[in-house]
Amino acid sequence: MKHTDFLDKLSERYAAKAMNGQVVPEDKLQRILEATRLAPTSSGLQPFEVFIITNDEIKAKIRKVAWDQPQVTDCSHLMVFAAWDTYTEDRINHMFDLTNEIRGFKNEGWENYRQFLLSIYPQRSAEENFQHAARQTYIALMAAMTQAEYEAVDCVPMEGFTPDDVDQILGLAEKGLKSTLLLPLGYRDAENDWLVNLPKVRKPMEQLVNYID
């Protein structure tokens, strides 16, 4: 693989403004989800879950609370990222125990780090913990978006929705979760997408990057 391939994909991808309802093949969907699963998170806790919605009625309900954006209903699969509402001892211990199970041994330094997190996270406010967990979903979002581009699947990241309403539609409170992001996956409707042929606009490097020697 050329080192430019990843940059090529970032340059080619765009936020699809219209989708045609074509179904994304299951193998492509699973690779996008695997990229999401493999994304890095703080302390490896993966403090979120992902919901894949294909039910038309549920997508229609979400569209009503997502600024009536048509991609929500016209997509093949609607991904909803939902962060933990807080960090608890059980949630932290589960991931540390899973690590020990998969690696097949306990490491003193790792166990000390477990105790360090247990001494801090559960004592913080639920809002502070949620905001930290929510930021991890953005890392996973980028992994999903990038893999989608490699799969020639269009997508569009969305913050334009009312989280409380989406939480209610999906029953997230009962699961200890709060929605943070929507990511419709599908295929562009080029004839009705005003953005499809416009050049990508980004700041020039000198306006973005600062070197401190």
N, C-alpha and C. Protein backbone atom coordinates (compact mmCIF):
# COMPACT_ATOMS: atom_id res chain seq x y z
N MET A 1 0.84 -1.20 0.00
CA MET A 1 0.00 0.00 0.00
C MET A 1 0.87 1.25 0.00
N LYS A 2 0.62 2.15 -0.90
CA LYS A 2 1.37 3.40 -0.93
C LYS A 2 1.03 4.24 0.29
N HIS A 3 2.00 5.01 0.74
CA HIS A 3 1.74 5.84 1.91
C HIS A 3 0.75 6.95 1.61
N THR A 4 0.51 7.22 0.32
CA THR A 4 -0.44 8.27 -0.04
C THR A 4 -1.88 7.77 -0.06
N ASP A 5 -2.11 6.46 0.03
CA ASP A 5 -3.45 5.94 -0.11
C ASP A 5 -4.42 6.53 0.91
N PHE A 6 -3.99 6.61 2.16
CA PHE A 6 -4.85 7.13 3.21
C PHE A 6 -5.20 8.60 2.94
N LEU A 7 -4.22 9.37 2.54
CA LEU A 7 -4.46 10.78 2.22
C LEU A 7 -5.40 10.91 1.03
N ASP A 8 -5.24 10.02 0.05
CA ASP A 8 -6.15 10.03 -1.10
C ASP A 8 -7.59 9.82 -0.66
N LYS A 9 -7.81 8.88 0.25
CA LYS A 9 -9.16 8.59 0.72
C LYS A 9 -9.73 9.77 1.50
N LEU A 10 -8.91 10.41 2.32
CA LEU A 10 -9.38 11.58 3.06
C LEU A 10 -9.74 12.71 2.11
N SER A 11 -8.98 12.82 1.04
CA SER A 11 -9.25 13.87 0.06
C SER A 11 -10.52 13.59 -0.73
N GLU A 12 -10.79 12.30 -1.00
CA GLU A 12 -11.94 11.93 -1.81
C GLU A 12 -13.26 11.97 -1.05
N ARG A 13 -13.23 11.68 0.26
CA ARG A 13 -14.48 11.56 1.02
C ARG A 13 -15.14 12.92 1.17
N TYR A 14 -16.45 12.90 1.30
CA TYR A 14 -17.20 14.12 1.55
C TYR A 14 -18.47 13.74 2.29
N ALA A 15 -19.14 14.74 2.85
CA ALA A 15 -20.37 14.49 3.61
C ALA A 15 -21.56 14.48 2.65
N ALA A 16 -22.04 13.29 2.34
CA ALA A 16 -23.13 13.15 1.37
C ALA A 16 -24.39 13.87 1.86
N LYS A 17 -24.91 14.74 1.02
CA LYS A 17 -26.11 15.51 1.39
C LYS A 17 -27.40 14.89 0.88
N ALA A 18 -27.29 13.88 0.02
CA ALA A 18 -28.47 13.16 -0.46
C ALA A 18 -28.06 11.72 -0.72
N MET A 19 -28.92 10.78 -0.31
CA MET A 19 -28.65 9.36 -0.50
C MET A 19 -29.79 8.71 -1.25
N ASN A 20 -29.49 7.59 -1.92
CA ASN A 20 -30.47 7.00 -2.84
C ASN A 20 -31.16 5.75 -2.31
N GLY A 21 -30.89 5.36 -1.06
CA GLY A 21 -31.57 4.22 -0.47
C GLY A 21 -30.95 2.87 -0.80
N GLN A 22 -29.94 2.84 -1.64
CA GLN A 22 -29.29 1.58 -1.99
C GLN A 22 -28.69 0.93 -0.73
N VAL A 23 -28.81 -0.38 -0.63
CA VAL A 23 -28.39 -1.10 0.56
C VAL A 23 -26.88 -1.37 0.52
N VAL A 24 -26.23 -1.11 1.63
CA VAL A 24 -24.81 -1.42 1.78
C VAL A 24 -24.67 -2.92 2.04
N PRO A 25 -23.84 -3.62 1.26
CA PRO A 25 -23.65 -5.06 1.48
C PRO A 25 -23.17 -5.37 2.90
N GLU A 26 -23.57 -6.52 3.40
CA GLU A 26 -23.27 -6.89 4.78
C GLU A 26 -21.78 -6.96 5.05
N ASP A 27 -20.99 -7.45 4.09
CA ASP A 27 -19.56 -7.57 4.33
C ASP A 27 -18.90 -6.20 4.48
N LYS A 28 -19.38 -5.23 3.71
CA LYS A 28 -18.85 -3.87 3.84
C LYS A 28 -19.24 -3.27 5.19
N LEU A 29 -20.49 -3.47 5.59
CA LEU A 29 -20.96 -2.98 6.88
C LEU A 29 -20.11 -3.55 8.01
N GLN A 30 -19.84 -4.84 7.96
CA GLN A 30 -19.10 -5.48 9.04
C GLN A 30 -17.68 -4.96 9.12
N ARG A 31 -17.06 -4.63 7.99
CA ARG A 31 -15.71 -4.06 8.03
C ARG A 31 -15.72 -2.65 8.61
N ILE A 32 -16.76 -1.90 8.31
CA ILE A 32 -16.90 -0.57 8.91
C ILE A 32 -17.06 -0.68 10.42
N LEU A 33 -17.86 -1.64 10.86
CA LEU A 33 -18.07 -1.85 12.29
C LEU A 33 -16.80 -2.35 12.96
N GLU A 34 -16.03 -3.18 12.25
CA GLU A 34 -14.77 -3.67 12.83
C GLU A 34 -13.78 -2.51 13.00
N ALA A 35 -13.75 -1.60 12.05
CA ALA A 35 -12.89 -0.42 12.19
C ALA A 35 -13.32 0.40 13.40
N THR A 36 -14.62 0.50 13.60
CA THR A 36 -15.16 1.21 14.76
C THR A 36 -14.72 0.52 16.05
N ARG A 37 -14.79 -0.79 16.06
CA ARG A 37 -14.42 -1.58 17.24
C ARG A 37 -12.94 -1.44 17.56
N LEU A 38 -12.10 -1.34 16.53
CA LEU A 38 -10.66 -1.29 16.71
C LEU A 38 -10.14 0.10 17.02
N ALA A 39 -10.98 1.10 16.96
CA ALA A 39 -10.54 2.48 17.21
C ALA A 39 -9.98 2.62 18.63
N PRO A 40 -8.95 3.44 18.80
CA PRO A 40 -8.39 3.66 20.13
C PRO A 40 -9.34 4.47 21.01
N THR A 41 -9.29 4.20 22.31
CA THR A 41 -10.05 4.99 23.28
C THR A 41 -9.21 5.18 24.53
N SER A 42 -9.53 6.17 25.31
CA SER A 42 -8.78 6.47 26.53
C SER A 42 -8.77 5.27 27.47
N SER A 43 -7.58 4.83 27.85
CA SER A 43 -7.37 3.69 28.75
C SER A 43 -7.97 2.40 28.20
N GLY A 44 -8.31 2.39 26.92
CA GLY A 44 -8.87 1.20 26.30
C GLY A 44 -10.23 0.80 26.82
N LEU A 45 -10.97 1.75 27.39
CA LEU A 45 -12.24 1.40 28.05
C LEU A 45 -13.41 1.27 27.08
N GLN A 46 -13.28 1.79 25.87
CA GLN A 46 -14.38 1.75 24.89
C GLN A 46 -15.72 2.11 25.55
N PRO A 47 -15.83 3.34 26.06
CA PRO A 47 -17.01 3.71 26.85
C PRO A 47 -18.22 4.13 26.00
N PHE A 48 -18.60 3.28 25.08
CA PHE A 48 -19.74 3.60 24.23
C PHE A 48 -20.27 2.32 23.60
N GLU A 49 -21.45 2.43 23.01
CA GLU A 49 -22.02 1.37 22.20
C GLU A 49 -22.49 1.99 20.89
N VAL A 50 -22.68 1.14 19.90
CA VAL A 50 -23.12 1.60 18.58
C VAL A 50 -24.41 0.86 18.22
N PHE A 51 -25.38 1.60 17.73
CA PHE A 51 -26.65 1.03 17.30
C PHE A 51 -26.76 1.16 15.78
N ILE A 52 -27.14 0.07 15.12
CA ILE A 52 -27.29 0.05 13.66
C ILE A 52 -28.79 -0.06 13.36
N ILE A 53 -29.33 0.97 12.76
CA ILE A 53 -30.78 1.04 12.57
C ILE A 53 -31.13 0.92 11.09
N THR A 54 -31.93 -0.09 10.77
CA THR A 54 -32.46 -0.24 9.42
C THR A 54 -33.98 -0.14 9.42
N ASN A 55 -34.60 -0.14 10.59
CA ASN A 55 -36.06 -0.05 10.71
C ASN A 55 -36.53 1.32 10.22
N ASP A 56 -37.38 1.31 9.20
CA ASP A 56 -37.80 2.57 8.58
C ASP A 56 -38.59 3.46 9.54
N GLU A 57 -39.41 2.85 10.39
CA GLU A 57 -40.20 3.65 11.32
C GLU A 57 -39.32 4.36 12.34
N ILE A 58 -38.32 3.66 12.83
CA ILE A 58 -37.41 4.28 13.80
C ILE A 58 -36.58 5.37 13.14
N LYS A 59 -36.12 5.11 11.92
CA LYS A 59 -35.36 6.14 11.20
C LYS A 59 -36.22 7.38 10.97
N ALA A 60 -37.49 7.19 10.67
CA ALA A 60 -38.40 8.32 10.45
C ALA A 60 -38.57 9.13 11.73
N LYS A 61 -38.67 8.44 12.86
CA LYS A 61 -38.79 9.15 14.14
C LYS A 61 -37.54 9.97 14.43
N ILE A 62 -36.38 9.38 14.15
CA ILE A 62 -35.13 10.09 14.41
C ILE A 62 -34.98 11.28 13.46
N ARG A 63 -35.41 11.11 12.21
CA ARG A 63 -35.32 12.23 11.26
C ARG A 63 -36.07 13.46 11.78
N LYS A 64 -37.22 13.23 12.42
CA LYS A 64 -38.01 14.35 12.93
C LYS A 64 -37.27 15.16 13.99
N VAL A 65 -36.33 14.52 14.71
CA VAL A 65 -35.60 15.22 15.76
C VAL A 65 -34.15 15.45 15.34
N ALA A 66 -33.89 15.28 14.03
CA ALA A 66 -32.55 15.48 13.48
C ALA A 66 -32.59 16.51 12.35
N TRP A 67 -33.30 17.61 12.64
CA TRP A 67 -33.37 18.74 11.71
C TRP A 67 -33.94 18.33 10.35
N ASP A 68 -34.72 17.25 10.31
CA ASP A 68 -35.35 16.76 9.08
C ASP A 68 -34.32 16.49 7.98
N GLN A 69 -33.15 16.03 8.37
CA GLN A 69 -32.12 15.73 7.38
C GLN A 69 -32.48 14.42 6.66
N PRO A 70 -32.60 14.47 5.33
CA PRO A 70 -33.12 13.32 4.58
C PRO A 70 -32.22 12.09 4.61
N GLN A 71 -30.93 12.29 4.83
CA GLN A 71 -30.03 11.13 4.84
C GLN A 71 -30.39 10.14 5.95
N VAL A 72 -31.04 10.63 7.01
CA VAL A 72 -31.40 9.76 8.13
C VAL A 72 -32.35 8.66 7.68
N THR A 73 -33.26 8.99 6.78
CA THR A 73 -34.21 7.99 6.29
C THR A 73 -33.79 7.39 4.95
N ASP A 74 -32.99 8.10 4.18
CA ASP A 74 -32.61 7.62 2.85
C ASP A 74 -31.34 6.78 2.87
N CYS A 75 -30.71 6.66 4.02
CA CYS A 75 -29.50 5.86 4.11
C CYS A 75 -29.84 4.38 4.15
N SER A 76 -28.82 3.56 3.99
CA SER A 76 -28.99 2.11 4.13
C SER A 76 -29.01 1.71 5.60
N HIS A 77 -28.01 2.15 6.34
CA HIS A 77 -27.89 1.87 7.76
C HIS A 77 -27.60 3.17 8.50
N LEU A 78 -28.32 3.40 9.57
CA LEU A 78 -28.08 4.57 10.40
C LEU A 78 -27.30 4.13 11.64
N MET A 79 -26.07 4.60 11.75
CA MET A 79 -25.27 4.32 12.94
C MET A 79 -25.54 5.39 13.99
N VAL A 80 -25.80 4.97 15.21
CA VAL A 80 -25.96 5.90 16.33
C VAL A 80 -24.89 5.55 17.37
N PHE A 81 -24.04 6.52 17.66
CA PHE A 81 -23.02 6.34 18.69
C PHE A 81 -23.60 6.82 20.02
N ALA A 82 -23.47 6.00 21.04
CA ALA A 82 -24.03 6.34 22.35
C ALA A 82 -22.99 6.08 23.43
N ALA A 83 -22.61 7.14 24.13
CA ALA A 83 -21.57 7.05 25.16
C ALA A 83 -22.16 6.64 26.51
N TRP A 84 -21.32 6.04 27.34
CA TRP A 84 -21.73 5.75 28.72
C TRP A 84 -22.18 7.03 29.39
N ASP A 85 -23.21 6.96 30.19
CA ASP A 85 -23.66 8.16 30.90
C ASP A 85 -22.73 8.51 32.06
N THR A 86 -21.92 7.54 32.51
CA THR A 86 -20.90 7.80 33.52
C THR A 86 -19.97 6.59 33.58
N TYR A 87 -18.87 6.73 34.29
CA TYR A 87 -17.98 5.60 34.55
C TYR A 87 -18.33 5.01 35.91
N THR A 88 -18.45 3.70 35.97
CA THR A 88 -18.72 3.02 37.23
C THR A 88 -17.61 1.99 37.48
N GLU A 89 -17.55 1.53 38.72
CA GLU A 89 -16.57 0.49 39.04
C GLU A 89 -16.81 -0.75 38.18
N ASP A 90 -18.05 -1.13 38.01
CA ASP A 90 -18.36 -2.33 37.22
C ASP A 90 -17.90 -2.18 35.78
N ARG A 91 -18.14 -1.02 35.20
CA ARG A 91 -17.75 -0.82 33.81
C ARG A 91 -16.24 -0.83 33.65
N ILE A 92 -15.55 -0.20 34.55
CA ILE A 92 -14.09 -0.18 34.49
C ILE A 92 -13.53 -1.58 34.71
N ASN A 93 -14.03 -2.26 35.73
CA ASN A 93 -13.54 -3.60 36.04
C ASN A 93 -13.80 -4.58 34.89
N HIS A 94 -14.94 -4.42 34.22
CA HIS A 94 -15.26 -5.32 33.11
C HIS A 94 -14.18 -5.27 32.04
N MET A 95 -13.74 -4.05 31.67
CA MET A 95 -12.75 -3.94 30.62
C MET A 95 -11.38 -4.43 31.06
N PHE A 96 -11.03 -4.19 32.33
CA PHE A 96 -9.75 -4.69 32.82
C PHE A 96 -9.77 -6.21 32.92
N ASP A 97 -10.90 -6.77 33.36
CA ASP A 97 -11.02 -8.23 33.43
C ASP A 97 -10.97 -8.84 32.04
N LEU A 98 -11.60 -8.18 31.08
CA LEU A 98 -11.58 -8.67 29.70
C LEU A 98 -10.15 -8.69 29.17
N THR A 99 -9.40 -7.65 29.48
CA THR A 99 -8.00 -7.59 29.05
C THR A 99 -7.20 -8.76 29.62
N ASN A 100 -7.39 -9.02 30.91
CA ASN A 100 -6.68 -10.13 31.54
C ASN A 100 -7.07 -11.47 30.93
N GLU A 101 -8.36 -11.59 30.61
CA GLU A 101 -8.86 -12.84 30.02
C GLU A 101 -8.25 -13.08 28.64
N ILE A 102 -8.23 -12.04 27.83
CA ILE A 102 -7.73 -12.18 26.46
C ILE A 102 -6.22 -12.39 26.46
N ARG A 103 -5.50 -11.68 27.32
CA ARG A 103 -4.03 -11.80 27.34
C ARG A 103 -3.57 -13.02 28.12
N GLY A 104 -4.43 -13.53 28.98
CA GLY A 104 -4.10 -14.76 29.68
C GLY A 104 -3.22 -14.60 30.89
N PHE A 105 -3.02 -13.41 31.36
CA PHE A 105 -2.22 -13.19 32.57
C PHE A 105 -2.56 -11.84 33.18
N LYS A 106 -2.18 -11.66 34.43
CA LYS A 106 -2.33 -10.38 35.11
C LYS A 106 -0.98 -9.69 35.20
N ASN A 107 -0.99 -8.40 34.97
CA ASN A 107 0.23 -7.60 35.03
C ASN A 107 0.12 -6.62 36.19
N GLU A 108 1.14 -6.56 37.03
CA GLU A 108 1.06 -5.72 38.22
C GLU A 108 0.84 -4.25 37.86
N GLY A 109 1.56 -3.79 36.86
CA GLY A 109 1.40 -2.39 36.46
C GLY A 109 0.00 -2.11 35.96
N TRP A 110 -0.57 -3.07 35.20
CA TRP A 110 -1.93 -2.91 34.69
C TRP A 110 -2.94 -2.91 35.82
N GLU A 111 -2.73 -3.78 36.81
CA GLU A 111 -3.64 -3.83 37.96
C GLU A 111 -3.53 -2.56 38.80
N ASN A 112 -2.35 -2.02 38.89
CA ASN A 112 -2.17 -0.74 39.60
C ASN A 112 -2.91 0.38 38.86
N TYR A 113 -2.86 0.30 37.53
CA TYR A 113 -3.56 1.32 36.74
C TYR A 113 -5.08 1.18 36.91
N ARG A 114 -5.57 -0.04 37.03
CA ARG A 114 -6.97 -0.27 37.32
C ARG A 114 -7.37 0.45 38.60
N GLN A 115 -6.59 0.27 39.64
CA GLN A 115 -6.89 0.90 40.93
C GLN A 115 -6.81 2.42 40.84
N PHE A 116 -5.89 2.89 40.01
CA PHE A 116 -5.76 4.34 39.81
C PHE A 116 -7.04 4.90 39.19
N LEU A 117 -7.55 4.25 38.14
CA LEU A 117 -8.78 4.72 37.51
C LEU A 117 -9.97 4.60 38.46
N LEU A 118 -10.02 3.51 39.21
CA LEU A 118 -11.12 3.31 40.15
C LEU A 118 -11.11 4.37 41.25
N SER A 119 -9.95 4.92 41.54
CA SER A 119 -9.85 5.95 42.59
C SER A 119 -10.25 7.33 42.07
N ILE A 120 -10.39 7.46 40.75
CA ILE A 120 -10.67 8.79 40.16
C ILE A 120 -12.02 8.84 39.47
N TYR A 121 -12.24 7.97 38.47
CA TYR A 121 -13.41 8.11 37.61
C TYR A 121 -14.75 8.02 38.33
N PRO A 122 -14.99 6.98 39.14
CA PRO A 122 -16.32 6.89 39.76
C PRO A 122 -16.62 8.02 40.73
N GLN A 123 -15.59 8.76 41.18
CA GLN A 123 -15.80 9.86 42.11
C GLN A 123 -16.14 11.17 41.41
N ARG A 124 -15.94 11.21 40.10
CA ARG A 124 -16.25 12.43 39.36
C ARG A 124 -17.75 12.53 39.10
N SER A 125 -18.20 13.72 38.72
CA SER A 125 -19.62 13.88 38.42
C SER A 125 -19.99 13.09 37.17
N ALA A 126 -21.25 12.69 37.08
CA ALA A 126 -21.72 11.95 35.91
C ALA A 126 -21.54 12.76 34.64
N GLU A 127 -21.77 14.06 34.71
CA GLU A 127 -21.63 14.91 33.53
C GLU A 127 -20.18 14.96 33.04
N GLU A 128 -19.24 15.09 33.97
CA GLU A 128 -17.83 15.11 33.58
C GLU A 128 -17.44 13.78 32.94
N ASN A 129 -17.91 12.69 33.53
CA ASN A 129 -17.61 11.37 32.98
C ASN A 129 -18.24 11.18 31.61
N PHE A 130 -19.49 11.63 31.45
CA PHE A 130 -20.15 11.50 30.15
C PHE A 130 -19.40 12.28 29.09
N GLN A 131 -19.00 13.51 29.39
CA GLN A 131 -18.29 14.32 28.41
C GLN A 131 -16.99 13.66 27.98
N HIS A 132 -16.31 13.03 28.92
CA HIS A 132 -15.08 12.32 28.58
C HIS A 132 -15.39 11.12 27.69
N ALA A 133 -16.41 10.36 28.05
CA ALA A 133 -16.79 9.20 27.25
C ALA A 133 -17.26 9.63 25.86
N ALA A 134 -18.00 10.73 25.80
CA ALA A 134 -18.52 11.20 24.52
C ALA A 134 -17.39 11.52 23.55
N ARG A 135 -16.30 12.07 24.06
CA ARG A 135 -15.18 12.41 23.18
C ARG A 135 -14.56 11.17 22.54
N GLN A 136 -14.67 10.04 23.21
CA GLN A 136 -14.13 8.81 22.63
C GLN A 136 -14.93 8.36 21.40
N THR A 137 -16.21 8.71 21.37
CA THR A 137 -17.02 8.32 20.22
C THR A 137 -16.58 9.03 18.94
N TYR A 138 -15.99 10.21 19.09
CA TYR A 138 -15.53 10.94 17.91
C TYR A 138 -14.33 10.25 17.28
N ILE A 139 -13.50 9.62 18.10
CA ILE A 139 -12.37 8.86 17.56
C ILE A 139 -12.90 7.67 16.76
N ALA A 140 -13.86 6.96 17.34
CA ALA A 140 -14.46 5.81 16.66
C ALA A 140 -15.19 6.24 15.39
N LEU A 141 -15.82 7.40 15.44
CA LEU A 141 -16.51 7.93 14.26
C LEU A 141 -15.55 8.08 13.10
N MET A 142 -14.37 8.64 13.36
CA MET A 142 -13.40 8.85 12.28
C MET A 142 -12.94 7.52 11.70
N ALA A 143 -12.78 6.51 12.56
CA ALA A 143 -12.39 5.19 12.05
C ALA A 143 -13.49 4.64 11.14
N ALA A 144 -14.74 4.79 11.54
CA ALA A 144 -15.87 4.31 10.73
C ALA A 144 -15.94 5.05 9.41
N MET A 145 -15.78 6.36 9.45
CA MET A 145 -15.86 7.16 8.23
C MET A 145 -14.75 6.80 7.25
N THR A 146 -13.56 6.60 7.76
CA THR A 146 -12.42 6.29 6.90
C THR A 146 -12.59 4.91 6.27
N GLN A 147 -13.01 3.93 7.06
CA GLN A 147 -13.24 2.60 6.50
C GLN A 147 -14.36 2.63 5.47
N ALA A 148 -15.38 3.43 5.73
CA ALA A 148 -16.47 3.56 4.76
C ALA A 148 -15.93 4.05 3.42
N GLU A 149 -14.99 4.98 3.46
CA GLU A 149 -14.41 5.49 2.21
C GLU A 149 -13.65 4.38 1.48
N TYR A 150 -12.92 3.56 2.23
CA TYR A 150 -12.23 2.44 1.61
C TYR A 150 -13.21 1.44 1.01
N GLU A 151 -14.41 1.35 1.58
CA GLU A 151 -15.43 0.42 1.09
C GLU A 151 -16.28 1.04 -0.02
N ALA A 152 -15.96 2.29 -0.41
CA ALA A 152 -16.76 3.02 -1.40
C ALA A 152 -18.19 3.19 -0.93
N VAL A 153 -18.34 3.40 0.37
CA VAL A 153 -19.64 3.67 0.98
C VAL A 153 -19.65 5.12 1.44
N ASP A 154 -20.72 5.84 1.10
CA ASP A 154 -20.82 7.23 1.51
C ASP A 154 -21.38 7.34 2.92
N CYS A 155 -21.08 8.45 3.56
CA CYS A 155 -21.59 8.68 4.91
C CYS A 155 -21.59 10.17 5.19
N VAL A 156 -22.21 10.54 6.30
CA VAL A 156 -22.22 11.94 6.71
C VAL A 156 -22.34 12.00 8.23
N PRO A 157 -21.33 12.56 8.91
CA PRO A 157 -21.40 12.67 10.37
C PRO A 157 -22.38 13.75 10.78
N MET A 158 -23.17 13.49 11.80
CA MET A 158 -24.20 14.44 12.22
C MET A 158 -24.19 14.68 13.72
N GLU A 159 -24.11 15.95 14.07
CA GLU A 159 -24.40 16.39 15.43
C GLU A 159 -25.72 17.13 15.49
N GLY A 160 -26.32 17.36 14.32
CA GLY A 160 -27.56 18.12 14.23
C GLY A 160 -28.78 17.29 14.58
N PHE A 161 -28.95 17.02 15.85
CA PHE A 161 -30.13 16.29 16.32
C PHE A 161 -30.30 16.59 17.80
N THR A 162 -31.45 16.25 18.33
CA THR A 162 -31.72 16.47 19.75
C THR A 162 -31.44 15.17 20.50
N PRO A 163 -30.31 15.11 21.22
CA PRO A 163 -29.92 13.85 21.87
C PRO A 163 -30.97 13.28 22.81
N ASP A 164 -31.61 14.12 23.58
CA ASP A 164 -32.61 13.61 24.53
C ASP A 164 -33.73 12.87 23.80
N ASP A 165 -34.12 13.38 22.65
CA ASP A 165 -35.19 12.73 21.89
C ASP A 165 -34.73 11.40 21.30
N VAL A 166 -33.50 11.38 20.77
CA VAL A 166 -32.97 10.13 20.24
C VAL A 166 -32.82 9.11 21.36
N ASP A 167 -32.37 9.58 22.53
CA ASP A 167 -32.25 8.68 23.68
C ASP A 167 -33.59 8.04 24.03
N GLN A 168 -34.64 8.84 23.95
CA GLN A 168 -35.97 8.33 24.28
C GLN A 168 -36.45 7.33 23.23
N ILE A 169 -36.23 7.65 21.95
CA ILE A 169 -36.66 6.77 20.87
C ILE A 169 -36.00 5.40 20.99
N LEU A 170 -34.73 5.38 21.36
CA LEU A 170 -33.96 4.13 21.42
C LEU A 170 -33.91 3.52 22.82
N GLY A 171 -34.50 4.20 23.80
CA GLY A 171 -34.48 3.67 25.16
C GLY A 171 -33.07 3.60 25.74
N LEU A 172 -32.28 4.62 25.47
CA LEU A 172 -30.88 4.58 25.88
C LEU A 172 -30.67 4.80 27.37
N ALA A 173 -31.53 5.60 28.00
CA ALA A 173 -31.36 5.87 29.43
C ALA A 173 -31.36 4.59 30.25
N GLU A 174 -32.24 3.66 29.86
CA GLU A 174 -32.32 2.39 30.57
C GLU A 174 -31.06 1.56 30.42
N LYS A 175 -30.28 1.85 29.38
CA LYS A 175 -29.03 1.15 29.14
C LYS A 175 -27.83 1.90 29.70
N GLY A 176 -28.07 3.05 30.35
CA GLY A 176 -26.97 3.85 30.87
C GLY A 176 -26.16 4.52 29.78
N LEU A 177 -26.85 4.93 28.70
CA LEU A 177 -26.19 5.52 27.54
C LEU A 177 -26.84 6.83 27.14
N LYS A 178 -26.07 7.65 26.42
CA LYS A 178 -26.58 8.89 25.84
C LYS A 178 -26.04 9.03 24.42
N SER A 179 -26.90 9.38 23.48
CA SER A 179 -26.47 9.51 22.10
C SER A 179 -25.56 10.71 21.91
N THR A 180 -24.58 10.55 21.04
CA THR A 180 -23.62 11.63 20.78
C THR A 180 -23.51 11.99 19.30
N LEU A 181 -23.64 10.98 18.42
CA LEU A 181 -23.41 11.20 17.00
C LEU A 181 -24.30 10.28 16.16
N LEU A 182 -24.67 10.76 14.98
CA LEU A 182 -25.33 9.93 13.99
C LEU A 182 -24.42 9.81 12.78
N LEU A 183 -24.42 8.63 12.16
CA LEU A 183 -23.64 8.44 10.93
C LEU A 183 -24.45 7.60 9.95
N PRO A 184 -25.21 8.26 9.07
CA PRO A 184 -25.89 7.52 8.01
C PRO A 184 -24.88 6.92 7.03
N LEU A 185 -25.05 5.65 6.69
CA LEU A 185 -24.22 4.97 5.71
C LEU A 185 -25.07 4.62 4.50
N GLY A 186 -24.54 4.83 3.32
CA GLY A 186 -25.30 4.51 2.12
C GLY A 186 -24.57 4.93 0.87
N TYR A 187 -25.33 5.35 -0.13
CA TYR A 187 -24.75 5.74 -1.41
C TYR A 187 -25.36 7.06 -1.87
N ARG A 188 -24.52 7.90 -2.39
CA ARG A 188 -24.93 9.25 -2.78
C ARG A 188 -25.98 9.24 -3.90
N ASP A 189 -26.87 10.20 -3.80
CA ASP A 189 -27.81 10.50 -4.88
C ASP A 189 -27.23 11.71 -5.59
N ALA A 190 -26.32 11.44 -6.53
CA ALA A 190 -25.51 12.51 -7.12
C ALA A 190 -26.35 13.59 -7.79
N GLU A 191 -27.46 13.21 -8.40
CA GLU A 191 -28.27 14.19 -9.12
C GLU A 191 -28.91 15.20 -8.18
N ASN A 192 -29.11 14.82 -6.94
CA ASN A 192 -29.78 15.70 -5.99
C ASN A 192 -28.88 16.17 -4.85
N ASP A 193 -27.58 15.94 -5.00
CA ASP A 193 -26.63 16.32 -3.96
C ASP A 193 -25.84 17.54 -4.41
N TRP A 194 -26.12 18.69 -3.80
CA TRP A 194 -25.49 19.94 -4.22
C TRP A 194 -24.00 19.96 -3.94
N LEU A 195 -23.54 19.11 -3.02
CA LEU A 195 -22.13 19.16 -2.61
C LEU A 195 -21.23 18.24 -3.41
N VAL A 196 -21.81 17.29 -4.14
CA VAL A 196 -21.04 16.17 -4.67
C VAL A 196 -19.89 16.59 -5.57
N ASN A 197 -20.05 17.62 -6.36
CA ASN A 197 -19.00 18.01 -7.32
C ASN A 197 -18.23 19.27 -6.92
N LEU A 198 -18.47 19.77 -5.73
CA LEU A 198 -17.76 20.96 -5.29
C LEU A 198 -16.41 20.59 -4.69
N PRO A 199 -15.39 21.45 -4.87
CA PRO A 199 -14.07 21.13 -4.33
C PRO A 199 -14.09 21.14 -2.80
N LYS A 200 -13.26 20.28 -2.22
CA LYS A 200 -13.12 20.25 -0.77
C LYS A 200 -12.42 21.53 -0.32
N VAL A 201 -12.91 22.14 0.75
CA VAL A 201 -12.32 23.37 1.27
C VAL A 201 -11.75 23.11 2.66
N ARG A 202 -10.46 23.34 2.81
CA ARG A 202 -9.78 23.23 4.08
C ARG A 202 -8.80 24.39 4.21
N LYS A 203 -8.49 24.78 5.43
CA LYS A 203 -7.48 25.82 5.64
C LYS A 203 -6.16 25.39 5.01
N PRO A 204 -5.40 26.35 4.48
CA PRO A 204 -4.04 26.00 4.05
C PRO A 204 -3.19 25.62 5.26
N MET A 205 -2.17 24.82 5.02
CA MET A 205 -1.36 24.28 6.11
C MET A 205 -0.82 25.37 7.03
N GLU A 206 -0.41 26.50 6.44
CA GLU A 206 0.22 27.55 7.26
C GLU A 206 -0.78 28.22 8.20
N GLN A 207 -2.07 28.09 7.94
CA GLN A 207 -3.07 28.65 8.83
C GLN A 207 -3.53 27.64 9.90
N LEU A 208 -3.10 26.41 9.75
CA LEU A 208 -3.54 25.35 10.65
C LEU A 208 -2.45 24.87 11.61
N VAL A 209 -1.24 24.73 11.07
CA VAL A 209 -0.15 24.11 11.83
C VAL A 209 0.82 25.15 12.33
N ASN A 210 1.17 25.03 13.61
CA ASN A 210 2.16 25.92 14.22
C ASN A 210 3.33 25.09 14.73
N TYR A 211 4.53 25.46 14.30
CA TYR A 211 5.74 24.77 14.74
C TYR A 211 6.39 25.54 15.87
N ILE A 212 6.72 24.86 16.92
CA ILE A 212 7.40 25.47 18.06
C ILE A 212 8.72 24.74 18.24
N ASP A 213 9.83 25.39 17.86
CA ASP A 213 11.14 24.75 17.94
C ASP A 213 11.81 24.99 19.28
